[in-house]
Amino acid sequence: MNKSKLILPLGIAPFVGLVAQNQDKPNIVLIYADDIGYGDLSCYGATHVQTPNTDALANDGIRFLNAHSAAATSTPSRYGLFTGEYPWRRKGTGVTNGDAAMIIKPQKYTVAKLMQEAGYVTAAVGKWHLGLGDKAREQNWNGHISPGPKEIGFDYSYIMAATGDRVPCVYIENQRVVNLDQKDPIQVSYTKNFPGEPTGKDNPELLTKQKPSPNHGHDQSIVNGISRIGYMKGGKSALWEDENIADSITAHAVRFIERNKDKPFFLYFGTNSIHVPRYPHARFVGKSGLGLRGDAILEFDWSVGEVVKALEKAGIRENTLIIISSDNGPVVDDGYQDQSVENLKNHKPWGPFRGGKYSTFEAGTRVPFIVNWHGKVSAQKSEALVSQVDMLATFAELFNINISQKENIDSQPQLKAWMGKDQKGREYVIGSGHSLSVLTHQWKYIEPNQGRAYSSLTNIEYGNNPKDQLYNMQIDRGEYDNVADENPAMLRFMKSILEEEKAKGVGLEL
């Protein structure tokens, strides 16, 4: 690999110089929330729920107002985050089942591999949802599962195989199921149930903790009194308890910090909060006043606080770059009768925007994004347009590593924006929900789509429309006034951007 140094923008060199000389390498902690929307945190304007630990980092760092996940759903957002490539370019990057093959292949260059190249010890803790193993439906859940996090750059891992509402409902540490009794082997299927195993659909009397919403499909195997998507048999000693998930993954994140405090480390901490099924620990239940969804937000904020306390206790808080963001926009009813809709009150998880999770409208991908590096980044809010796909190129810029020879179509170095030295950021971002979109600082274009405009299950507008959509985001951030007909020149320009991006490669095989 070509290790020649990059030419760095004025104002960034002092930071990179330290890193390049192997002096005072900052530890990096990336806290990745699940389904937390732009308006869910009090530092982003929420008033009905308070997130003091997250707010403290925002108040001492940069709070970005125009930051975007790579997609409006979980799996593709994580793919873009780690690879620096828009997920819509690759087939098979949609939301995965728990028995999906790993969608990031071992030969792919990733943020974690870059960190290893920079001399960091790396860890992935929490939600994974990127598939495991070489072939779908053929994982050896009762032995070593490979490929997995290690093959794409993580020295240590303690993960949930997929997500909270999908089997298998077990923790996997360094690619082996935790606490598994080999006499009770795990079996997983997403096509048919195992003989004699109860399901939420057929055995509702066993749903002691939470019941599925009608027609969402979360009515298959029952684990911990909650039915899931998919079928699972065995592994009883290894099953998680939903109310303890945050405690377990937070404890392992803290333990990793404690064990590696004397060396530079990169910690990816993917929280389960606030994804369904929302069943937070009893110490949070009833505390938000917004029902279980609000309580789960408090639980997320607690996890943030525990990580910061661990850094302080280890004496490395001053030399740690902390990033907080979310994988996609919010959803209120996403499959369980947890009364989140009834308890929403005047809280607006989507903030001032339209849509939410799954949507091409702005709330699908505009997410919280906080960068905190105490003493290096001054407190401010930023209007810079930034994307999570830029993690790879921005960290490469920070470490002075040339990645020009790597397959890296989309990631752009944005260190000046991260450091608060640039209020512009990107020229544009390509978004993906049900359709593709182009967002600049002023305009947003959504390509035509023949799909449903609205989901009655989630109560979310998808943004689908058979006609071109063009919005002036400076005066219509709610995307209600389609001005495509009145602005033909701008429409052609925005469409040309999208066509040029597609021409770089789309629909590629993994």
Protein backbone atom coordinates (compact mmCIF):
# COMPACT_ATOMS: atom_id res chain seq x y z
CA MET A 1 0.00 0.00 0.00
CA ASN A 2 1.22 3.48 -0.80
CA LYS A 3 2.03 5.13 2.54
CA SER A 4 2.83 8.56 1.09
CA LYS A 5 1.42 11.41 3.13
CA LEU A 6 -1.67 13.29 2.14
CA ILE A 7 -1.62 17.04 1.53
CA LEU A 8 -3.65 18.37 4.43
CA PRO A 9 -5.86 21.44 4.65
CA LEU A 10 -4.57 24.40 6.63
CA GLY A 11 -5.68 24.16 10.26
CA ILE A 12 -5.72 20.37 10.39
CA ALA A 13 -1.99 19.67 10.32
CA PRO A 14 -1.42 20.31 14.06
CA PHE A 15 -3.84 17.49 14.94
CA VAL A 16 -2.56 15.08 12.33
CA GLY A 17 1.06 15.80 13.12
CA LEU A 18 0.70 14.33 16.58
CA VAL A 19 -1.03 11.24 15.25
CA ALA A 20 1.38 10.73 12.39
CA GLN A 21 4.33 10.81 14.80
CA ASN A 22 2.72 8.13 17.00
CA GLN A 23 2.41 10.61 19.84
CA ASP A 24 -0.76 11.02 21.84
CA LYS A 25 -2.88 9.00 19.44
CA PRO A 26 -6.46 9.73 20.43
CA ASN A 27 -8.58 6.81 21.49
CA ILE A 28 -11.73 6.75 19.38
CA VAL A 29 -15.16 5.73 20.65
CA LEU A 30 -18.01 5.58 18.14
CA ILE A 31 -21.39 5.24 19.87
CA TYR A 32 -23.99 4.21 17.32
CA ALA A 33 -27.60 4.48 18.48
CA ASP A 34 -30.42 2.45 16.98
CA ASP A 35 -33.54 4.20 15.62
CA ILE A 36 -32.91 7.42 17.56
CA GLY A 37 -34.27 10.29 15.50
CA TYR A 38 -33.12 13.85 14.99
CA GLY A 39 -35.61 15.11 17.59
CA ASP A 40 -35.16 12.40 20.24
CA LEU A 41 -32.32 13.99 22.23
CA SER A 42 -32.66 17.08 24.40
CA CYS A 43 -29.51 18.56 22.85
CA TYR A 44 -31.43 18.48 19.55
CA GLY A 45 -34.47 20.19 20.98
CA ALA A 46 -36.45 17.46 22.73
CA THR A 47 -38.24 18.80 25.81
CA HIS A 48 -40.29 15.81 26.98
CA VAL A 49 -37.23 13.63 27.55
CA GLN A 50 -33.81 14.62 28.89
CA THR A 51 -30.48 13.12 27.84
CA PRO A 52 -27.92 14.84 30.10
CA ASN A 53 -24.93 12.59 29.36
CA THR A 54 -25.30 13.00 25.62
CA ASP A 55 -26.01 16.71 26.05
CA ALA A 56 -22.76 17.15 28.00
CA LEU A 57 -20.78 15.82 25.04
CA ALA A 58 -22.76 17.98 22.61
CA ASN A 59 -22.23 21.08 24.76
CA ASP A 60 -18.48 20.43 24.85
CA GLY A 61 -18.17 19.49 21.19
CA ILE A 62 -19.76 19.94 17.79
CA ARG A 63 -23.46 19.27 17.26
CA PHE A 64 -24.08 18.81 13.56
CA LEU A 65 -27.45 19.92 12.21
CA ASN A 66 -27.15 18.44 8.72
CA ALA A 67 -25.65 14.98 9.22
CA HIS A 68 -26.84 11.84 7.47
CA SER A 69 -26.72 8.09 7.84
CA ALA A 70 -25.97 6.07 4.71
CA ALA A 71 -29.54 4.76 4.52
CA ALA A 72 -32.90 4.91 6.24
CA THR A 73 -32.55 1.42 7.75
CA SER A 74 -30.08 -0.43 9.92
CA THR A 75 -28.08 -2.91 7.87
CA PRO A 76 -27.26 -0.66 4.91
CA SER A 77 -26.35 2.22 7.24
CA ARG A 78 -23.82 0.01 9.02
CA TYR A 79 -22.44 -1.17 5.70
CA GLY A 80 -21.87 2.44 4.60
CA LEU A 81 -20.44 3.42 7.99
CA PHE A 82 -17.76 0.71 7.94
CA THR A 83 -16.90 0.58 4.23
CA GLY A 84 -17.23 4.20 3.10
CA GLU A 85 -19.40 3.06 0.22
CA TYR A 86 -23.05 3.91 -0.41
CA PRO A 87 -24.94 0.67 0.27
CA TRP A 88 -27.22 1.11 -2.75
CA ARG A 89 -24.24 0.36 -4.94
CA ARG A 90 -24.13 -3.23 -3.70
CA LYS A 91 -26.69 -5.99 -4.05
CA GLY A 92 -27.55 -7.75 -0.80
CA THR A 93 -27.12 -4.81 1.56
CA GLY A 94 -30.77 -4.58 2.60
CA VAL A 95 -32.05 -5.38 6.10
CA THR A 96 -30.72 -8.86 6.90
CA ASN A 97 -32.20 -11.81 8.73
CA GLY A 98 -30.35 -13.32 11.67
CA ASP A 99 -29.07 -16.18 9.50
CA ALA A 100 -27.74 -13.99 6.67
CA ALA A 101 -24.18 -14.33 5.45
CA MET A 102 -21.85 -11.48 6.33
CA ILE A 103 -22.39 -8.74 3.76
CA ILE A 104 -18.97 -7.11 4.25
CA LYS A 105 -16.56 -9.59 2.73
CA PRO A 106 -13.14 -10.15 4.35
CA GLN A 107 -11.31 -8.61 1.40
CA LYS A 108 -13.18 -5.30 1.80
CA TYR A 109 -11.25 -2.40 3.32
CA THR A 110 -13.02 -1.04 6.40
CA VAL A 111 -12.75 1.58 9.12
CA ALA A 112 -11.61 -1.15 11.51
CA LYS A 113 -8.82 -2.29 9.17
CA LEU A 114 -7.68 1.30 8.80
CA MET A 115 -7.54 1.60 12.58
CA GLN A 116 -5.40 -1.52 12.82
CA GLU A 117 -3.10 -0.07 10.17
CA ALA A 118 -2.80 3.06 12.31
CA GLY A 119 -1.68 0.94 15.27
CA TYR A 120 -4.98 0.68 17.14
CA VAL A 121 -6.55 -2.24 18.96
CA THR A 122 -10.15 -2.51 17.77
CA ALA A 123 -13.46 -3.73 19.19
CA ALA A 124 -17.07 -4.13 18.08
CA VAL A 125 -19.55 -4.30 20.94
CA GLY A 126 -23.34 -4.43 20.73
CA LYS A 127 -25.64 -4.61 17.74
CA TRP A 128 -24.09 -6.06 14.57
CA HIS A 129 -26.82 -6.78 11.97
CA LEU A 130 -24.37 -7.27 9.10
CA GLY A 131 -24.68 -11.03 8.82
CA LEU A 132 -22.23 -13.71 9.92
CA GLY A 133 -20.55 -16.61 8.21
CA ASP A 134 -19.73 -17.28 4.60
CA LYS A 135 -23.12 -18.61 3.50
CA ALA A 136 -26.65 -17.73 4.54
CA ARG A 137 -28.49 -20.31 6.65
CA GLU A 138 -25.31 -22.39 7.10
CA GLN A 139 -23.74 -20.80 10.19
CA ASN A 140 -22.33 -23.10 12.84
CA TRP A 141 -24.02 -21.46 15.82
CA ASN A 142 -22.52 -24.14 18.08
CA GLY A 143 -18.87 -23.51 17.18
CA HIS A 144 -16.66 -20.82 15.75
CA ILE A 145 -18.58 -18.60 13.32
CA SER A 146 -16.46 -17.29 10.48
CA PRO A 147 -16.12 -14.92 8.79
CA GLY A 148 -17.17 -12.37 11.38
CA PRO A 149 -15.96 -9.12 12.93
CA LYS A 150 -12.35 -10.30 13.16
CA GLU A 151 -12.11 -10.82 9.41
CA ILE A 152 -13.02 -7.19 8.72
CA GLY A 153 -10.67 -5.67 11.28
CA PHE A 154 -12.01 -6.08 14.83
CA ASP A 155 -9.60 -7.63 17.31
CA TYR A 156 -12.35 -8.18 19.87
CA SER A 157 -16.11 -8.53 19.51
CA TYR A 158 -19.11 -9.00 21.76
CA ILE A 159 -22.17 -8.67 19.58
CA MET A 160 -25.81 -9.47 18.98
CA ALA A 161 -26.02 -11.54 15.80
CA ALA A 162 -28.64 -9.35 14.16
CA THR A 163 -31.04 -7.14 16.08
CA GLY A 164 -33.30 -7.37 19.11
CA ASP A 165 -36.41 -8.53 17.27
CA ARG A 166 -34.72 -11.32 15.27
CA VAL A 167 -33.37 -14.71 16.27
CA PRO A 168 -30.89 -15.99 17.33
CA CYS A 169 -31.28 -14.09 20.61
CA VAL A 170 -27.78 -14.71 21.94
CA TYR A 171 -24.54 -12.84 22.51
CA ILE A 172 -21.54 -13.82 20.43
CA GLU A 173 -18.07 -13.13 21.84
CA ASN A 174 -15.13 -13.47 19.50
CA GLN A 175 -17.42 -15.38 17.14
CA ARG A 176 -18.63 -18.01 19.60
CA VAL A 177 -22.02 -18.00 21.33
CA VAL A 178 -21.67 -17.03 24.98
CA ASN A 179 -22.77 -19.52 27.68
CA LEU A 180 -23.82 -22.15 25.15
CA ASP A 181 -24.47 -25.67 26.43
CA GLN A 182 -23.30 -28.02 23.69
CA LYS A 183 -25.91 -30.53 24.83
CA ASP A 184 -28.57 -28.02 23.80
CA PRO A 185 -27.43 -26.91 20.33
CA ILE A 186 -28.88 -23.89 18.58
CA GLN A 187 -30.95 -24.23 15.42
CA VAL A 188 -32.16 -21.24 13.41
CA SER A 189 -34.58 -20.95 10.50
CA TYR A 190 -36.33 -18.09 8.76
CA THR A 191 -38.55 -20.37 6.65
CA LYS A 192 -40.29 -22.81 8.97
CA ASN A 193 -40.73 -23.53 12.67
CA PHE A 194 -39.18 -26.45 14.49
CA PRO A 195 -41.62 -29.16 15.64
CA GLY A 196 -43.06 -28.50 19.08
CA GLU A 197 -41.65 -24.98 19.44
CA PRO A 198 -44.23 -22.36 20.51
CA THR A 199 -44.75 -19.13 18.58
CA GLY A 200 -46.34 -15.80 19.38
CA LYS A 201 -48.99 -16.46 16.75
CA ASP A 202 -50.09 -19.83 18.12
CA ASN A 203 -49.28 -19.40 21.81
CA PRO A 204 -50.13 -15.82 22.82
CA GLU A 205 -50.54 -16.95 26.43
CA LEU A 206 -46.74 -17.30 26.61
CA LEU A 207 -46.16 -13.66 25.71
CA THR A 208 -45.61 -12.51 29.27
CA LYS A 209 -43.59 -9.36 28.58
CA GLN A 210 -44.68 -7.89 25.26
CA LYS A 211 -47.08 -8.69 22.46
CA PRO A 212 -46.54 -8.03 18.75
CA SER A 213 -48.48 -5.40 16.85
CA PRO A 214 -50.91 -6.90 14.33
CA ASN A 215 -49.56 -7.73 10.86
CA HIS A 216 -45.95 -6.76 11.56
CA GLY A 217 -44.67 -10.34 11.58
CA HIS A 218 -43.04 -10.31 15.01
CA ASP A 219 -45.05 -13.36 16.05
CA GLN A 220 -42.70 -16.29 15.57
CA SER A 221 -40.32 -17.86 18.13
CA ILE A 222 -40.75 -16.73 21.73
CA VAL A 223 -37.69 -15.69 23.72
CA ASN A 224 -37.91 -14.11 27.17
CA GLY A 225 -41.70 -13.79 26.92
CA ILE A 226 -41.47 -11.82 23.62
CA SER A 227 -42.04 -13.23 20.14
CA ARG A 228 -39.55 -12.47 17.37
CA ILE A 229 -38.98 -12.62 13.64
CA GLY A 230 -37.64 -16.04 12.70
CA TYR A 231 -37.56 -19.44 14.37
CA MET A 232 -35.08 -20.72 16.91
CA LYS A 233 -34.64 -23.90 18.92
CA GLY A 234 -32.16 -24.74 21.66
CA GLY A 235 -29.47 -22.63 23.29
CA LYS A 236 -31.59 -22.01 26.38
CA SER A 237 -28.61 -21.23 28.61
CA ALA A 238 -27.34 -18.64 26.13
CA LEU A 239 -30.52 -16.63 25.55
CA TRP A 240 -30.46 -12.97 26.48
CA GLU A 241 -32.94 -11.19 28.70
CA ASP A 242 -34.08 -8.01 26.97
CA GLU A 243 -34.11 -5.94 30.14
CA ASN A 244 -30.40 -6.70 30.62
CA ILE A 245 -29.13 -6.12 27.08
CA ALA A 246 -28.00 -2.54 27.70
CA ASP A 247 -26.28 -3.55 30.93
CA SER A 248 -24.46 -6.44 29.25
CA ILE A 249 -23.15 -4.67 26.18
CA THR A 250 -22.29 -1.52 28.15
CA ALA A 251 -20.34 -3.60 30.67
CA HIS A 252 -18.34 -5.20 27.87
CA ALA A 253 -17.64 -1.81 26.28
CA VAL A 254 -16.40 -0.52 29.64
CA ARG A 255 -14.30 -3.64 30.17
CA PHE A 256 -12.63 -3.16 26.80
CA ILE A 257 -11.74 0.41 27.77
CA GLU A 258 -10.32 -0.72 31.09
CA ARG A 259 -8.20 -3.46 29.53
CA ASN A 260 -6.81 -1.25 26.76
CA LYS A 261 -6.33 2.07 28.51
CA ASP A 262 -2.57 1.99 27.99
CA LYS A 263 -2.73 1.64 24.20
CA PRO A 264 -4.64 3.48 21.48
CA PHE A 265 -7.97 1.83 20.79
CA PHE A 266 -11.01 2.11 18.55
CA LEU A 267 -14.32 1.06 20.09
CA TYR A 268 -17.44 0.70 17.99
CA PHE A 269 -20.32 0.58 20.48
CA GLY A 270 -23.61 -0.22 18.73
CA THR A 271 -26.36 0.17 21.27
CA ASN A 272 -29.57 -1.84 21.11
CA SER A 273 -31.49 1.17 22.39
CA ILE A 274 -34.03 2.19 21.20
CA HIS A 275 -34.87 -0.57 18.72
CA VAL A 276 -37.87 -2.83 19.28
CA PRO A 277 -38.71 -4.77 21.30
CA ARG A 278 -38.29 -1.93 23.77
CA TYR A 279 -37.97 -3.53 27.17
CA PRO A 280 -35.54 -1.43 29.21
CA HIS A 281 -34.31 -2.33 32.66
CA ALA A 282 -36.74 -1.70 35.51
CA ARG A 283 -34.68 1.20 36.82
CA PHE A 284 -35.65 3.19 33.69
CA VAL A 285 -39.26 2.10 33.33
CA GLY A 286 -41.72 4.93 33.91
CA LYS A 287 -38.98 7.54 34.29
CA SER A 288 -39.35 9.37 30.97
CA GLY A 289 -43.10 9.98 30.98
CA LEU A 290 -43.15 8.90 27.32
CA GLY A 291 -43.64 5.19 27.85
CA LEU A 292 -41.15 2.44 27.00
CA ARG A 293 -39.74 4.23 23.97
CA GLY A 294 -38.88 7.28 26.06
CA ASP A 295 -37.53 5.05 28.82
CA ALA A 296 -35.27 3.35 26.27
CA ILE A 297 -33.90 6.78 25.31
CA LEU A 298 -32.96 7.29 28.97
CA GLU A 299 -31.28 3.88 28.93
CA PHE A 300 -29.27 4.86 25.86
CA ASP A 301 -28.16 8.06 27.58
CA TRP A 302 -27.13 6.04 30.64
CA SER A 303 -24.90 3.86 28.41
CA VAL A 304 -23.26 7.02 27.06
CA GLY A 305 -22.60 8.18 30.61
CA GLU A 306 -21.07 4.83 31.63
CA VAL A 307 -18.64 4.95 28.72
CA VAL A 308 -17.57 8.50 29.59
CA LYS A 309 -17.13 7.57 33.26
CA ALA A 310 -14.94 4.63 32.25
CA LEU A 311 -12.75 6.93 30.16
CA GLU A 312 -12.47 9.37 33.07
CA LYS A 313 -11.66 6.62 35.55
CA ALA A 314 -8.96 5.29 33.24
CA GLY A 315 -7.47 8.78 32.96
CA ILE A 316 -7.83 8.91 29.18
CA ARG A 317 -10.90 11.09 28.72
CA GLU A 318 -8.82 14.07 27.56
CA ASN A 319 -7.25 12.02 24.77
CA THR A 320 -10.40 10.38 23.44
CA LEU A 321 -12.40 11.38 20.38
CA ILE A 322 -16.05 10.48 20.98
CA ILE A 323 -18.61 10.34 18.18
CA ILE A 324 -22.34 9.80 18.71
CA SER A 325 -24.81 9.18 15.92
CA SER A 326 -27.73 6.95 14.90
CA ASP A 327 -28.24 4.40 12.14
CA ASN A 328 -31.43 5.94 10.76
CA GLY A 329 -34.43 8.05 11.63
CA PRO A 330 -37.13 7.23 14.17
CA VAL A 331 -40.10 4.88 14.17
CA VAL A 332 -42.71 4.73 16.92
CA ASP A 333 -44.71 1.52 16.29
CA ASP A 334 -42.27 -0.92 14.70
CA GLY A 335 -43.84 -4.22 15.62
CA TYR A 336 -44.81 -4.40 19.30
CA GLN A 337 -47.66 -3.17 21.45
CA ASP A 338 -45.48 -1.09 23.76
CA GLN A 339 -47.87 1.91 23.90
CA SER A 340 -45.23 4.19 22.42
CA VAL A 341 -47.79 5.80 20.14
CA GLU A 342 -50.21 6.42 22.99
CA ASN A 343 -47.43 7.91 25.16
CA LEU A 344 -45.81 10.07 22.51
CA LYS A 345 -47.58 13.23 23.73
CA ASN A 346 -46.07 16.24 21.93
CA HIS A 347 -42.66 14.67 21.54
CA LYS A 348 -41.48 14.74 17.90
CA PRO A 349 -38.81 12.09 17.28
CA TRP A 350 -38.37 13.32 13.68
CA GLY A 351 -37.79 16.91 14.78
CA PRO A 352 -38.89 19.49 12.19
CA PHE A 353 -38.61 17.04 9.30
CA ARG A 354 -40.94 14.72 7.41
CA GLY A 355 -40.82 10.92 7.35
CA GLY A 356 -38.79 8.61 9.56
CA LYS A 357 -37.15 5.19 9.42
CA TYR A 358 -37.63 3.55 5.98
CA SER A 359 -38.41 6.94 4.39
CA THR A 360 -36.72 8.88 1.60
CA PHE A 361 -38.00 12.06 3.20
CA GLU A 362 -35.47 13.89 5.32
CA ALA A 363 -36.20 12.31 8.70
CA GLY A 364 -35.19 8.94 7.27
CA THR A 365 -31.47 9.75 7.25
CA ARG A 366 -30.98 13.12 8.99
CA VAL A 367 -29.71 12.00 12.36
CA PRO A 368 -27.92 13.33 15.43
CA PHE A 369 -24.16 13.58 14.96
CA ILE A 370 -21.92 14.77 17.77
CA VAL A 371 -18.13 15.02 17.70
CA ASN A 372 -16.40 15.56 21.05
CA TRP A 373 -12.64 15.82 21.46
CA HIS A 374 -12.00 17.74 24.64
CA GLY A 375 -9.45 20.49 24.21
CA LYS A 376 -9.20 19.90 20.45
CA VAL A 377 -12.72 20.79 19.30
CA SER A 378 -14.46 23.92 20.52
CA ALA A 379 -18.12 23.88 21.52
CA GLN A 380 -20.36 24.86 18.62
CA LYS A 381 -23.16 23.80 16.33
CA SER A 382 -22.40 23.22 12.69
CA GLU A 383 -24.45 23.49 9.49
CA ALA A 384 -21.85 21.50 7.55
CA LEU A 385 -23.31 18.77 5.35
CA VAL A 386 -21.73 15.51 6.53
CA SER A 387 -22.34 11.82 5.97
CA GLN A 388 -21.47 8.67 7.89
CA VAL A 389 -19.89 7.22 4.74
CA ASP A 390 -17.09 9.74 5.33
CA MET A 391 -15.83 7.95 8.45
CA LEU A 392 -13.26 6.00 6.44
CA ALA A 393 -11.71 8.90 4.53
CA THR A 394 -11.86 11.25 7.52
CA PHE A 395 -10.01 8.84 9.79
CA ALA A 396 -7.51 8.24 6.98
CA GLU A 397 -6.98 12.00 6.88
CA LEU A 398 -6.55 12.10 10.65
CA PHE A 399 -3.91 9.34 10.59
CA ASN A 400 -2.24 10.57 7.42
CA ILE A 401 -2.86 7.26 5.65
CA ASN A 402 -3.25 7.15 1.88
CA ILE A 403 -6.27 5.06 0.90
CA SER A 404 -6.30 6.10 -2.75
CA GLN A 405 -5.46 2.56 -3.82
CA LYS A 406 -8.41 1.13 -1.92
CA GLU A 407 -11.86 0.60 -3.35
CA ASN A 408 -13.45 3.70 -1.93
CA ILE A 409 -15.97 5.31 -4.23
CA ASP A 410 -17.91 7.55 -1.86
CA SER A 411 -16.05 8.40 1.35
CA GLN A 412 -14.69 11.95 1.48
CA PRO A 413 -12.21 13.45 3.98
CA GLN A 414 -14.13 15.84 6.21
CA LEU A 415 -11.71 16.42 9.07
CA LYS A 416 -11.98 20.22 8.80
CA ALA A 417 -15.75 19.95 9.27
CA TRP A 418 -15.30 17.53 12.18
CA MET A 419 -12.90 19.96 13.82
CA GLY A 420 -15.30 22.88 13.37
CA LYS A 421 -13.04 24.62 10.81
CA ASP A 422 -15.44 24.20 7.89
CA GLN A 423 -19.14 25.03 8.00
CA LYS A 424 -19.83 23.72 4.52
CA GLY A 425 -18.73 20.10 4.41
CA ARG A 426 -19.90 18.11 1.39
CA GLU A 427 -21.33 19.55 -1.80
CA TYR A 428 -24.06 16.91 -1.74
CA VAL A 429 -25.13 13.61 -0.19
CA ILE A 430 -26.91 10.72 -1.89
CA GLY A 431 -29.62 9.32 0.36
CA SER A 432 -31.40 5.98 0.13
CA GLY A 433 -34.78 5.02 1.51
CA HIS A 434 -37.33 3.55 -0.87
CA SER A 435 -35.84 5.80 -3.58
CA LEU A 436 -32.55 7.57 -4.08
CA SER A 437 -32.26 11.27 -3.35
CA VAL A 438 -29.73 14.06 -3.78
CA LEU A 439 -29.34 16.66 -1.04
CA THR A 440 -27.29 19.85 -1.38
CA HIS A 441 -27.18 22.73 1.08
CA GLN A 442 -30.32 24.21 -0.48
CA TRP A 443 -32.04 21.62 -2.65
CA LYS A 444 -33.30 18.06 -2.40
CA TYR A 445 -34.29 15.85 -5.30
CA ILE A 446 -36.12 12.50 -4.92
CA GLU A 447 -36.29 10.26 -7.96
CA PRO A 448 -39.67 8.82 -9.04
CA ASN A 449 -40.91 5.64 -7.36
CA GLN A 450 -44.07 3.63 -7.99
CA GLY A 451 -44.20 2.22 -4.47
CA ARG A 452 -46.66 2.97 -1.69
CA ALA A 453 -46.56 6.51 -0.39
CA TYR A 454 -47.46 5.58 3.17
CA SER A 455 -47.18 2.69 5.64
CA SER A 456 -50.29 2.15 7.74
CA LEU A 457 -48.26 -0.21 9.95
CA THR A 458 -45.58 2.26 11.02
CA ASN A 459 -47.51 5.47 10.24
CA ILE A 460 -44.56 6.72 8.18
CA GLU A 461 -44.59 8.44 4.80
CA TYR A 462 -42.13 6.68 2.52
CA GLY A 463 -41.60 9.60 0.18
CA ASN A 464 -42.57 7.55 -2.87
CA ASN A 465 -44.07 9.47 -5.78
CA PRO A 466 -44.30 8.56 -9.48
CA LYS A 467 -43.19 12.11 -10.32
CA ASP A 468 -39.90 13.90 -9.77
CA GLN A 469 -39.75 15.70 -6.43
CA LEU A 470 -37.71 18.83 -5.82
CA TYR A 471 -37.72 20.79 -2.56
CA ASN A 472 -36.04 24.02 -1.49
CA MET A 473 -34.84 22.90 1.93
CA GLN A 474 -33.96 26.41 3.06
CA ILE A 475 -37.61 27.45 3.07
CA ASP A 476 -39.39 24.06 3.09
CA ARG A 477 -37.56 21.63 5.32
CA GLY A 478 -40.81 19.70 5.75
CA GLU A 479 -40.74 18.79 2.02
CA TYR A 480 -44.36 19.71 1.39
CA ASP A 481 -44.01 22.07 -1.59
CA ASN A 482 -42.75 20.15 -4.63
CA VAL A 483 -41.27 22.85 -6.91
CA ALA A 484 -39.97 20.58 -9.67
CA ASP A 485 -42.22 22.12 -12.32
CA GLU A 486 -41.22 25.66 -11.42
CA ASN A 487 -37.48 24.96 -11.46
CA PRO A 488 -36.68 22.89 -14.55
CA ALA A 489 -33.01 23.93 -14.70
CA MET A 490 -32.37 22.96 -11.07
CA LEU A 491 -34.30 19.73 -11.58
CA ARG A 492 -32.07 18.81 -14.52
CA PHE A 493 -28.97 19.66 -12.50
CA MET A 494 -29.97 17.53 -9.52
CA LYS A 495 -30.94 14.61 -11.76
CA SER A 496 -27.58 14.87 -13.51
CA ILE A 497 -25.78 14.51 -10.16
CA LEU A 498 -27.66 11.32 -9.44
CA GLU A 499 -27.04 9.90 -12.90
CA GLU A 500 -23.32 10.63 -12.59
CA GLU A 501 -23.22 8.89 -9.21
CA LYS A 502 -25.04 5.86 -10.58
CA ALA A 503 -22.58 5.70 -13.44
CA LYS A 504 -19.75 5.17 -10.94
CA GLY A 505 -21.19 1.78 -10.12
CA VAL A 506 -24.53 0.51 -8.91
CA GLY A 507 -25.98 -2.94 -8.42
CA LEU A 508 -22.53 -4.47 -8.00
CA GLU A 509 -22.18 -8.01 -6.73
CA LEU A 510 -20.75 -8.46 -3.27
